[in-house]
Amino acid sequence: MVDLSVQLKALRLKNPVMTASGTFGYGEEYLDFMDVSRIGGIIVKGTTIRPREGNDYPRMAETASGMLNAVGLQNKGVHYFVKHLYPRICDFNTNVLVNVSGSTVDDYVQAAEIIQELDKIPGIELNVSCPNVKEGGMAFGVSPRALSLVVKEVRAVYKKHLMLKLSPNVTDITELAKIAEDQGADSLSLINTLLGMAIDAENRRPKLSTVTGGLSGPCIKPVALRMVWQTYKAVKIPVIGIGGISNTADAIEFMLAGASAIQVGTANFIDPGVSVSIAEGIADYCRRHGFKSAKELTGALIID
């Protein structure tokens, strides 16, 4: 028997597979296709202190080996989540974490305080790729000062597992990773989407209403894999790998590069049950290669 459980500090996952925020709704949308109890956890879609309508359409566009999105964090706000959504998903037999977004530090802090009162939510994932309106629209995740402040302030009020989702749109991701660790993050998830754009050549117009958007899917995997490897070597807290993971081999690669766990994102749109298949595949890989536990895979990359 292979022990698939992994430990993200105090947060225990039954296996290393989670689903990425924004690609899995609130979990209940997938219940007809797969059993959520068979994976390590789900990260529900981005939640803000106030309701958000999101960006104008079109806000998704297919690209070579991936997709662009500019949904704009559409959600009904944290109070709606607490009253209407939490009661429907709180008894899932897996970890349910909430992705928290905001436009100011106070937004993050207030949302974190409210979610902390939910007994069956063991952690939050801070999405620091949001624009900081008090810094001229620069994303929290690309500004060392802004990142340090938001993690510090949320950590001061939030006592459960604090996962930080890092932006790849930076020169040196390890600098931001170390800041997050120093300010009290329990784990790091990376990468968020890369900034990209698509153009309709016949109409000479951008394919997204916002012109640019977040690129995800298999096309970003090499970049994500490199950043996970760099971050793993730079920090001591657990790293969760994200970016183009579509099958077991992809997941194994991220774990060998240093990830303690992984998140499946865009692939959910193609195969709703892919996360379960990946969890089963990790067990099979461990058996074939003589690993007694999934956690032995983390950082097991051989470099001659």
Foldseek 3Di string as FASTA:
>chain_A
DFQQWFDQPPQIFSHQEEADAPFCAQVPVLPVADQPLLGAEYEHHEAWQAADQFDDPPAKDDDVQWIFGRRHRGDHHLVCCVPPPCVVCLPRNHAYEYEYEDQALVGRQVSLLVVLPRPSHQEYEYEQQFFRVVVVGHGCQADLVSLLVSLLNNVVRHDGAYEYEHEPPYDANLSSLVSNVVSPHSEYEDDWFDKDWAADVVVRGTNGPVRIGGIAALVCLVVQLVNLLVNQVRDDGAYEGEGHDQAQVSQLSSQLSAHSHYHHGPNCVVRVHRSSRNRVVLVVVCVVVVNRYSNVSGNNDDDD
